N, C-alpha and C. Protein backbone atom coordinates (compact mmCIF):
# COMPACT_ATOMS: atom_id res chain seq x y z
N MET A 1 27.01 10.34 30.14
CA MET A 1 25.63 10.79 30.04
C MET A 1 25.34 11.09 28.58
N LEU A 2 24.21 10.67 28.16
CA LEU A 2 23.85 10.82 26.76
C LEU A 2 23.17 12.15 26.52
N ARG A 3 23.65 12.88 25.52
CA ARG A 3 23.05 14.16 25.18
C ARG A 3 21.81 13.93 24.33
N ASN A 4 20.88 14.86 24.40
CA ASN A 4 19.68 14.77 23.58
C ASN A 4 19.79 15.59 22.30
N TYR A 5 20.83 16.40 22.20
CA TYR A 5 21.02 17.22 21.02
C TYR A 5 22.51 17.34 20.74
N LYS A 6 22.82 17.74 19.52
CA LYS A 6 24.22 17.93 19.14
C LYS A 6 24.64 19.35 19.48
N THR A 7 25.90 19.49 19.87
CA THR A 7 26.46 20.81 20.13
C THR A 7 27.00 21.34 18.81
N SER A 8 26.68 22.58 18.50
CA SER A 8 27.18 23.15 17.24
C SER A 8 28.70 23.26 17.30
N LYS A 9 29.32 23.27 16.14
CA LYS A 9 30.79 23.27 16.09
C LYS A 9 31.39 24.50 16.75
N LYS A 10 30.75 25.66 16.61
CA LYS A 10 31.33 26.88 17.21
C LYS A 10 31.25 26.85 18.74
N ASN A 11 30.35 26.06 19.30
CA ASN A 11 30.21 25.97 20.76
C ASN A 11 30.95 24.77 21.36
N ARG A 12 31.71 24.09 20.55
CA ARG A 12 32.44 22.92 21.05
C ARG A 12 33.78 23.37 21.65
N THR A 13 33.72 23.94 22.84
CA THR A 13 34.93 24.45 23.47
C THR A 13 35.53 23.48 24.47
N ASN A 14 34.73 22.79 25.20
CA ASN A 14 35.22 21.74 26.09
C ASN A 14 34.16 20.65 26.18
N TYR A 15 34.60 19.51 26.67
CA TYR A 15 33.76 18.33 26.65
C TYR A 15 33.76 17.70 28.02
N ILE A 16 32.57 17.44 28.51
CA ILE A 16 32.43 16.83 29.82
C ILE A 16 31.76 15.48 29.64
N TYR A 17 32.42 14.45 30.14
CA TYR A 17 31.89 13.09 30.09
C TYR A 17 31.73 12.59 31.52
N TYR A 18 30.71 11.78 31.70
CA TYR A 18 30.43 11.21 33.02
C TYR A 18 30.68 9.71 32.96
N SER A 19 31.43 9.22 33.87
CA SER A 19 31.72 7.79 33.91
C SER A 19 30.59 7.06 34.62
N ALA A 20 30.60 5.75 34.55
CA ALA A 20 29.54 4.94 35.16
C ALA A 20 29.51 5.09 36.67
N ASP A 21 30.64 5.34 37.27
CA ASP A 21 30.67 5.48 38.73
C ASP A 21 30.37 6.90 39.19
N GLY A 22 30.00 7.80 38.26
CA GLY A 22 29.63 9.17 38.63
C GLY A 22 30.77 10.17 38.51
N GLY A 23 31.94 9.72 38.11
CA GLY A 23 33.08 10.62 37.96
C GLY A 23 32.90 11.52 36.75
N VAL A 24 33.55 12.70 36.79
CA VAL A 24 33.46 13.67 35.71
C VAL A 24 34.80 13.74 35.00
N ILE A 25 34.75 13.68 33.68
CA ILE A 25 35.97 13.80 32.87
C ILE A 25 35.78 15.02 31.98
N LYS A 26 36.69 16.00 32.12
CA LYS A 26 36.61 17.22 31.33
C LYS A 26 37.76 17.22 30.34
N ILE A 27 37.41 17.39 29.06
CA ILE A 27 38.41 17.40 28.00
C ILE A 27 38.39 18.79 27.36
N VAL A 28 39.57 19.43 27.33
CA VAL A 28 39.67 20.77 26.75
C VAL A 28 40.60 20.68 25.55
N PRO A 29 40.19 21.18 24.38
CA PRO A 29 41.04 21.13 23.19
C PRO A 29 42.36 21.89 23.39
N ASN A 30 43.40 21.34 22.78
CA ASN A 30 44.75 21.92 22.81
C ASN A 30 45.31 22.05 24.22
N LYS A 31 44.87 21.19 25.12
CA LYS A 31 45.38 21.19 26.49
C LYS A 31 45.63 19.74 26.89
N ASP A 32 46.70 19.46 27.55
CA ASP A 32 47.04 18.12 28.02
C ASP A 32 47.12 17.11 26.87
N GLY A 33 47.61 17.55 25.69
CA GLY A 33 47.82 16.64 24.57
C GLY A 33 46.57 16.34 23.76
N VAL A 34 45.48 17.05 24.03
CA VAL A 34 44.25 16.84 23.28
C VAL A 34 44.33 17.64 21.97
N THR A 35 44.38 16.93 20.86
CA THR A 35 44.51 17.58 19.55
C THR A 35 43.16 17.72 18.87
N ASP A 36 43.17 18.48 17.77
CA ASP A 36 41.94 18.64 17.00
C ASP A 36 41.46 17.30 16.42
N ALA A 37 42.39 16.42 16.08
CA ALA A 37 42.04 15.10 15.56
C ALA A 37 41.29 14.29 16.61
N ILE A 38 41.75 14.34 17.85
CA ILE A 38 41.08 13.62 18.94
C ILE A 38 39.68 14.19 19.15
N ILE A 39 39.57 15.51 19.12
CA ILE A 39 38.27 16.16 19.29
C ILE A 39 37.33 15.75 18.15
N ALA A 40 37.83 15.72 16.92
CA ALA A 40 37.01 15.33 15.78
C ALA A 40 36.49 13.90 15.94
N ILE A 41 37.35 13.01 16.43
CA ILE A 41 36.92 11.61 16.66
C ILE A 41 35.87 11.55 17.76
N LEU A 42 36.10 12.29 18.86
CA LEU A 42 35.10 12.31 19.94
C LEU A 42 33.76 12.83 19.43
N HIS A 43 33.81 13.89 18.61
CA HIS A 43 32.57 14.42 18.07
C HIS A 43 31.86 13.43 17.15
N SER A 44 32.63 12.72 16.36
CA SER A 44 31.98 11.75 15.46
C SER A 44 31.31 10.66 16.28
N TYR A 45 31.95 10.22 17.39
CA TYR A 45 31.32 9.23 18.26
C TYR A 45 30.07 9.81 18.93
N ASP A 46 30.20 11.03 19.45
CA ASP A 46 29.06 11.66 20.11
C ASP A 46 27.90 11.87 19.15
N ASP A 47 28.21 12.38 17.96
CA ASP A 47 27.16 12.64 16.98
C ASP A 47 26.47 11.34 16.58
N ALA A 48 27.23 10.29 16.40
CA ALA A 48 26.65 8.99 16.05
C ALA A 48 25.74 8.49 17.18
N GLU A 49 26.19 8.70 18.42
CA GLU A 49 25.39 8.26 19.57
C GLU A 49 24.11 9.08 19.70
N VAL A 50 24.21 10.38 19.47
CA VAL A 50 23.02 11.23 19.53
C VAL A 50 22.03 10.82 18.44
N ASP A 51 22.54 10.58 17.22
CA ASP A 51 21.66 10.16 16.13
C ASP A 51 21.00 8.81 16.46
N ALA A 52 21.78 7.89 17.01
CA ALA A 52 21.23 6.59 17.37
C ALA A 52 20.16 6.74 18.45
N ASN A 53 20.41 7.63 19.40
CA ASN A 53 19.44 7.87 20.47
C ASN A 53 18.16 8.47 19.90
N ARG A 54 18.28 9.37 18.94
CA ARG A 54 17.09 9.94 18.31
C ARG A 54 16.28 8.85 17.60
N ARG A 55 16.98 7.99 16.86
CA ARG A 55 16.28 6.90 16.18
C ARG A 55 15.59 5.99 17.19
N GLU A 56 16.31 5.68 18.26
CA GLU A 56 15.76 4.80 19.29
C GLU A 56 14.54 5.44 19.95
N ASN A 57 14.63 6.72 20.25
CA ASN A 57 13.49 7.41 20.88
C ASN A 57 12.30 7.47 19.95
N TYR A 58 12.56 7.54 18.66
CA TYR A 58 11.45 7.56 17.71
C TYR A 58 10.85 6.18 17.51
N HIS A 59 11.70 5.21 17.25
CA HIS A 59 11.21 3.89 16.87
C HIS A 59 10.67 3.07 18.03
N VAL A 60 11.32 3.09 19.15
CA VAL A 60 10.91 2.20 20.24
C VAL A 60 9.51 2.52 20.75
N PRO A 61 9.22 3.75 21.16
CA PRO A 61 7.87 3.97 21.68
C PRO A 61 6.78 3.77 20.62
N VAL A 62 7.06 4.19 19.42
CA VAL A 62 6.04 4.13 18.39
C VAL A 62 5.90 2.74 17.82
N HIS A 63 7.01 2.09 17.54
CA HIS A 63 6.95 0.85 16.79
C HIS A 63 7.19 -0.41 17.63
N MET A 64 8.05 -0.36 18.59
CA MET A 64 8.40 -1.58 19.31
C MET A 64 7.55 -1.76 20.57
N ASN A 65 7.56 -0.79 21.46
CA ASN A 65 6.84 -0.94 22.72
C ASN A 65 5.33 -0.87 22.54
N ALA A 66 4.89 -0.38 21.42
CA ALA A 66 3.47 -0.18 21.22
C ALA A 66 2.73 -1.43 20.77
N TYR A 67 3.41 -2.50 20.51
CA TYR A 67 2.71 -3.72 20.09
C TYR A 67 1.92 -4.33 21.24
N TYR A 68 2.41 -4.15 22.45
CA TYR A 68 1.74 -4.72 23.61
C TYR A 68 1.70 -3.68 24.72
N ASP A 69 0.66 -3.75 25.54
CA ASP A 69 0.60 -2.83 26.68
C ASP A 69 1.26 -3.49 27.89
N GLU A 70 1.13 -2.84 29.03
CA GLU A 70 1.81 -3.35 30.23
C GLU A 70 1.29 -4.71 30.68
N LYS A 71 0.11 -5.12 30.23
CA LYS A 71 -0.45 -6.43 30.58
C LYS A 71 -0.16 -7.46 29.50
N GLU A 72 0.74 -7.12 28.57
CA GLU A 72 1.11 -8.00 27.46
C GLU A 72 -0.08 -8.30 26.54
N GLU A 73 -1.04 -7.37 26.50
CA GLU A 73 -2.17 -7.51 25.60
C GLU A 73 -1.92 -6.70 24.35
N ASP A 74 -2.51 -7.11 23.26
CA ASP A 74 -2.34 -6.40 21.99
C ASP A 74 -2.79 -4.96 22.13
N ALA A 75 -1.95 -4.04 21.67
CA ALA A 75 -2.24 -2.61 21.82
C ALA A 75 -2.75 -1.98 20.54
N ALA A 76 -3.20 -2.77 19.58
CA ALA A 76 -3.62 -2.23 18.29
C ALA A 76 -4.78 -1.26 18.42
N ASP A 77 -5.64 -1.48 19.43
CA ASP A 77 -6.79 -0.59 19.58
C ASP A 77 -6.39 0.79 20.10
N ARG A 78 -5.19 0.93 20.63
CA ARG A 78 -4.73 2.21 21.17
C ARG A 78 -3.57 2.80 20.38
N ASN A 79 -3.07 2.08 19.41
CA ASN A 79 -1.92 2.55 18.66
C ASN A 79 -2.31 2.78 17.21
N PRO A 80 -2.35 4.04 16.78
CA PRO A 80 -2.77 4.31 15.40
C PRO A 80 -1.82 3.73 14.36
N TYR A 81 -0.57 3.47 14.74
CA TYR A 81 0.39 2.92 13.79
C TYR A 81 0.11 1.45 13.50
N LEU A 82 -0.59 0.78 14.42
CA LEU A 82 -0.89 -0.63 14.23
C LEU A 82 -2.23 -0.86 13.56
N ALA A 83 -3.06 0.16 13.51
CA ALA A 83 -4.39 0.01 12.91
C ALA A 83 -4.26 -0.09 11.40
N ASP A 84 -5.01 -1.00 10.83
CA ASP A 84 -5.02 -1.18 9.38
C ASP A 84 -6.36 -0.66 8.88
N ASN A 85 -6.40 0.64 8.62
CA ASN A 85 -7.65 1.26 8.20
C ASN A 85 -7.96 1.02 6.73
N ALA A 86 -6.98 0.57 5.98
CA ALA A 86 -7.16 0.37 4.55
C ALA A 86 -7.85 -0.95 4.25
N SER A 87 -7.88 -1.84 5.18
CA SER A 87 -8.41 -3.16 4.91
C SER A 87 -9.59 -3.46 5.82
N ASN A 88 -10.67 -3.88 5.21
CA ASN A 88 -11.84 -4.31 5.96
C ASN A 88 -12.05 -5.78 5.58
N PRO A 89 -11.85 -6.70 6.51
CA PRO A 89 -11.94 -8.13 6.17
C PRO A 89 -13.27 -8.51 5.52
N LEU A 90 -14.37 -7.96 6.02
CA LEU A 90 -15.68 -8.29 5.45
C LEU A 90 -15.76 -7.80 4.01
N GLU A 91 -15.29 -6.59 3.77
CA GLU A 91 -15.29 -6.06 2.40
C GLU A 91 -14.42 -6.91 1.49
N SER A 92 -13.28 -7.36 1.99
CA SER A 92 -12.38 -8.20 1.19
C SER A 92 -13.06 -9.52 0.81
N ILE A 93 -13.77 -10.11 1.76
CA ILE A 93 -14.48 -11.37 1.49
C ILE A 93 -15.57 -11.15 0.46
N ILE A 94 -16.36 -10.09 0.65
CA ILE A 94 -17.43 -9.79 -0.30
C ILE A 94 -16.87 -9.54 -1.68
N LYS A 95 -15.80 -8.77 -1.76
CA LYS A 95 -15.17 -8.48 -3.05
C LYS A 95 -14.68 -9.76 -3.71
N SER A 96 -14.08 -10.64 -2.92
CA SER A 96 -13.58 -11.91 -3.45
C SER A 96 -14.72 -12.76 -4.00
N ILE A 97 -15.82 -12.81 -3.25
CA ILE A 97 -17.00 -13.59 -3.70
C ILE A 97 -17.55 -12.98 -4.98
N GLU A 98 -17.67 -11.65 -5.00
CA GLU A 98 -18.20 -10.98 -6.19
C GLU A 98 -17.31 -11.24 -7.41
N GLU A 99 -16.00 -11.18 -7.21
CA GLU A 99 -15.08 -11.44 -8.32
C GLU A 99 -15.20 -12.87 -8.81
N THR A 100 -15.34 -13.82 -7.88
CA THR A 100 -15.48 -15.22 -8.25
C THR A 100 -16.79 -15.44 -9.01
N GLU A 101 -17.88 -14.88 -8.48
CA GLU A 101 -19.17 -15.02 -9.16
C GLU A 101 -19.14 -14.37 -10.54
N HIS A 102 -18.50 -13.20 -10.63
CA HIS A 102 -18.40 -12.51 -11.92
C HIS A 102 -17.62 -13.37 -12.92
N LYS A 103 -16.52 -13.95 -12.48
CA LYS A 103 -15.71 -14.80 -13.36
C LYS A 103 -16.52 -16.02 -13.82
N GLU A 104 -17.25 -16.63 -12.89
CA GLU A 104 -18.08 -17.78 -13.25
C GLU A 104 -19.15 -17.40 -14.27
N ARG A 105 -19.77 -16.25 -14.08
CA ARG A 105 -20.79 -15.79 -15.03
C ARG A 105 -20.20 -15.51 -16.41
N ILE A 106 -19.03 -14.89 -16.42
CA ILE A 106 -18.35 -14.61 -17.71
C ILE A 106 -18.02 -15.92 -18.42
N ASP A 107 -17.53 -16.91 -17.65
CA ASP A 107 -17.21 -18.21 -18.26
C ASP A 107 -18.47 -18.87 -18.84
N LYS A 108 -19.59 -18.80 -18.11
CA LYS A 108 -20.85 -19.37 -18.60
C LYS A 108 -21.31 -18.62 -19.87
N LEU A 109 -21.16 -17.29 -19.85
CA LEU A 109 -21.55 -16.49 -21.01
C LEU A 109 -20.71 -16.85 -22.22
N ARG A 110 -19.41 -17.00 -22.03
CA ARG A 110 -18.54 -17.38 -23.16
C ARG A 110 -18.94 -18.74 -23.74
N ALA A 111 -19.21 -19.69 -22.84
CA ALA A 111 -19.62 -21.02 -23.29
C ALA A 111 -20.95 -20.94 -24.04
N ALA A 112 -21.88 -20.11 -23.54
CA ALA A 112 -23.18 -19.97 -24.21
C ALA A 112 -23.02 -19.31 -25.57
N ILE A 113 -22.16 -18.32 -25.68
CA ILE A 113 -21.93 -17.65 -26.97
C ILE A 113 -21.36 -18.63 -27.98
N GLU A 114 -20.51 -19.53 -27.53
CA GLU A 114 -19.92 -20.53 -28.44
C GLU A 114 -20.97 -21.45 -29.06
N THR A 115 -22.11 -21.60 -28.39
CA THR A 115 -23.17 -22.48 -28.92
C THR A 115 -24.08 -21.77 -29.92
N LEU A 116 -23.93 -20.46 -30.07
CA LEU A 116 -24.79 -19.72 -30.99
C LEU A 116 -24.42 -20.02 -32.44
N GLN A 117 -25.34 -19.72 -33.33
CA GLN A 117 -25.07 -19.85 -34.76
C GLN A 117 -24.10 -18.75 -35.18
N SER A 118 -23.42 -18.95 -36.29
CA SER A 118 -22.39 -18.00 -36.72
C SER A 118 -22.98 -16.61 -36.97
N GLN A 119 -24.20 -16.51 -37.51
CA GLN A 119 -24.83 -15.20 -37.75
C GLN A 119 -25.09 -14.48 -36.42
N GLN A 120 -25.52 -15.26 -35.41
CA GLN A 120 -25.79 -14.68 -34.09
C GLN A 120 -24.49 -14.21 -33.42
N LYS A 121 -23.43 -15.01 -33.57
CA LYS A 121 -22.12 -14.61 -33.02
C LYS A 121 -21.64 -13.32 -33.67
N GLU A 122 -21.82 -13.22 -34.97
CA GLU A 122 -21.40 -12.02 -35.71
C GLU A 122 -22.18 -10.80 -35.22
N LEU A 123 -23.47 -10.96 -34.98
CA LEU A 123 -24.29 -9.86 -34.48
C LEU A 123 -23.82 -9.41 -33.10
N ILE A 124 -23.55 -10.37 -32.22
CA ILE A 124 -23.04 -10.06 -30.88
C ILE A 124 -21.70 -9.33 -30.98
N LYS A 125 -20.84 -9.78 -31.86
CA LYS A 125 -19.52 -9.15 -32.05
C LYS A 125 -19.68 -7.69 -32.47
N LYS A 126 -20.58 -7.45 -33.42
CA LYS A 126 -20.77 -6.08 -33.90
C LYS A 126 -21.34 -5.17 -32.81
N VAL A 127 -22.28 -5.67 -32.03
CA VAL A 127 -22.92 -4.84 -31.01
C VAL A 127 -21.99 -4.59 -29.82
N PHE A 128 -21.34 -5.65 -29.31
CA PHE A 128 -20.60 -5.51 -28.05
C PHE A 128 -19.10 -5.25 -28.23
N PHE A 129 -18.51 -5.78 -29.26
CA PHE A 129 -17.07 -5.60 -29.42
C PHE A 129 -16.72 -4.43 -30.33
N GLU A 130 -17.53 -4.25 -31.37
CA GLU A 130 -17.29 -3.13 -32.29
C GLU A 130 -18.08 -1.89 -31.88
N LYS A 131 -18.98 -2.03 -30.90
CA LYS A 131 -19.79 -0.93 -30.36
C LYS A 131 -20.60 -0.22 -31.44
N ARG A 132 -21.13 -1.00 -32.34
CA ARG A 132 -21.92 -0.43 -33.43
C ARG A 132 -23.38 -0.32 -33.02
N THR A 133 -24.08 0.61 -33.63
CA THR A 133 -25.50 0.80 -33.33
C THR A 133 -26.35 -0.15 -34.17
N ASN A 134 -27.57 -0.34 -33.71
CA ASN A 134 -28.51 -1.19 -34.47
C ASN A 134 -28.75 -0.60 -35.86
N VAL A 135 -28.80 0.72 -35.97
CA VAL A 135 -29.05 1.39 -37.25
C VAL A 135 -27.93 1.11 -38.24
N SER A 136 -26.65 1.19 -37.78
CA SER A 136 -25.53 0.96 -38.71
C SER A 136 -25.47 -0.51 -39.14
N ILE A 137 -25.80 -1.41 -38.25
CA ILE A 137 -25.81 -2.84 -38.60
C ILE A 137 -26.93 -3.10 -39.60
N ALA A 138 -28.10 -2.49 -39.36
CA ALA A 138 -29.25 -2.67 -40.27
C ALA A 138 -28.91 -2.13 -41.65
N ALA A 139 -28.25 -0.97 -41.70
CA ALA A 139 -27.89 -0.38 -43.00
C ALA A 139 -26.91 -1.29 -43.73
N GLU A 140 -25.98 -1.89 -43.02
CA GLU A 140 -25.00 -2.79 -43.64
C GLU A 140 -25.68 -4.03 -44.21
N LYS A 141 -26.65 -4.57 -43.48
CA LYS A 141 -27.32 -5.81 -43.91
C LYS A 141 -28.49 -5.55 -44.86
N GLY A 142 -28.90 -4.29 -44.94
CA GLY A 142 -30.02 -3.96 -45.83
C GLY A 142 -31.37 -4.34 -45.25
N VAL A 143 -31.47 -4.29 -43.92
CA VAL A 143 -32.74 -4.59 -43.25
C VAL A 143 -33.10 -3.40 -42.36
N THR A 144 -34.27 -3.48 -41.75
CA THR A 144 -34.68 -2.39 -40.86
C THR A 144 -34.03 -2.53 -39.50
N GLU A 145 -34.03 -1.43 -38.78
CA GLU A 145 -33.48 -1.43 -37.41
C GLU A 145 -34.33 -2.33 -36.51
N ALA A 146 -35.62 -2.39 -36.75
CA ALA A 146 -36.52 -3.25 -35.98
C ALA A 146 -36.16 -4.72 -36.17
N ALA A 147 -35.72 -5.08 -37.36
CA ALA A 147 -35.32 -6.47 -37.62
C ALA A 147 -34.07 -6.81 -36.80
N ILE A 148 -33.14 -5.88 -36.70
CA ILE A 148 -31.93 -6.12 -35.90
C ILE A 148 -32.31 -6.24 -34.42
N ARG A 149 -33.20 -5.36 -33.95
CA ARG A 149 -33.67 -5.46 -32.56
C ARG A 149 -34.30 -6.82 -32.30
N LYS A 150 -35.08 -7.30 -33.22
CA LYS A 150 -35.75 -8.59 -33.08
C LYS A 150 -34.73 -9.72 -33.03
N HIS A 151 -33.72 -9.66 -33.91
CA HIS A 151 -32.66 -10.69 -33.90
C HIS A 151 -31.89 -10.67 -32.57
N LEU A 152 -31.59 -9.46 -32.09
CA LEU A 152 -30.87 -9.34 -30.81
C LEU A 152 -31.71 -9.89 -29.66
N LYS A 153 -33.02 -9.59 -29.68
CA LYS A 153 -33.90 -10.10 -28.63
C LYS A 153 -33.88 -11.62 -28.60
N LYS A 154 -33.89 -12.23 -29.77
CA LYS A 154 -33.86 -13.70 -29.86
C LYS A 154 -32.52 -14.24 -29.33
N VAL A 155 -31.42 -13.56 -29.68
CA VAL A 155 -30.10 -13.98 -29.20
C VAL A 155 -30.04 -13.89 -27.67
N TYR A 156 -30.53 -12.77 -27.12
CA TYR A 156 -30.52 -12.59 -25.65
C TYR A 156 -31.34 -13.68 -24.97
N GLU A 157 -32.47 -14.02 -25.52
CA GLU A 157 -33.30 -15.07 -24.93
C GLU A 157 -32.58 -16.42 -24.97
N ASP A 158 -31.92 -16.72 -26.07
CA ASP A 158 -31.16 -17.97 -26.18
C ASP A 158 -30.04 -18.01 -25.13
N LEU A 159 -29.37 -16.88 -24.97
CA LEU A 159 -28.27 -16.83 -24.00
C LEU A 159 -28.79 -16.98 -22.57
N ARG A 160 -29.92 -16.33 -22.26
CA ARG A 160 -30.51 -16.46 -20.92
C ARG A 160 -30.84 -17.91 -20.59
N LYS A 161 -31.39 -18.62 -21.55
CA LYS A 161 -31.74 -20.04 -21.34
C LYS A 161 -30.50 -20.88 -21.07
N LYS A 162 -29.41 -20.58 -21.76
CA LYS A 162 -28.18 -21.38 -21.64
C LYS A 162 -27.37 -21.02 -20.39
N ILE A 163 -27.57 -19.84 -19.92
CA ILE A 163 -26.83 -19.41 -18.71
C ILE A 163 -27.65 -19.80 -17.51
């Protein structure tokens, strides 16, 4: 008979085993040639069996038997361990489409920037890559901030047409 718990070492005074045919076997330490070594081996077997039974009781109902119900139908709707709450297929598809569209737009933008004149490319670089203000660019070039805004507006219009 399989135990559901381990017996503490101080309470290990005698051992009762049940055979398959219902017979009872009682083992008492230091009696009838039963040594401490034999008892230690029996305990190691019993403890291993109890641990295996605990694992089996945990894993089988939760992980193995729960994949299907008694009608052999998928039990995911009733088993929280089988539910995948982190993934929403529709959201994944939308995200994939958005990422693809974003990549395509970036590629078109890069190609359009390559067609700009070198002065326009330099202006784009200063504004978007160096994160400079229109005022600092105007001061560097010796023009007004309005002139830089006008140049940027023209660049944006050119890029819109090409994209």
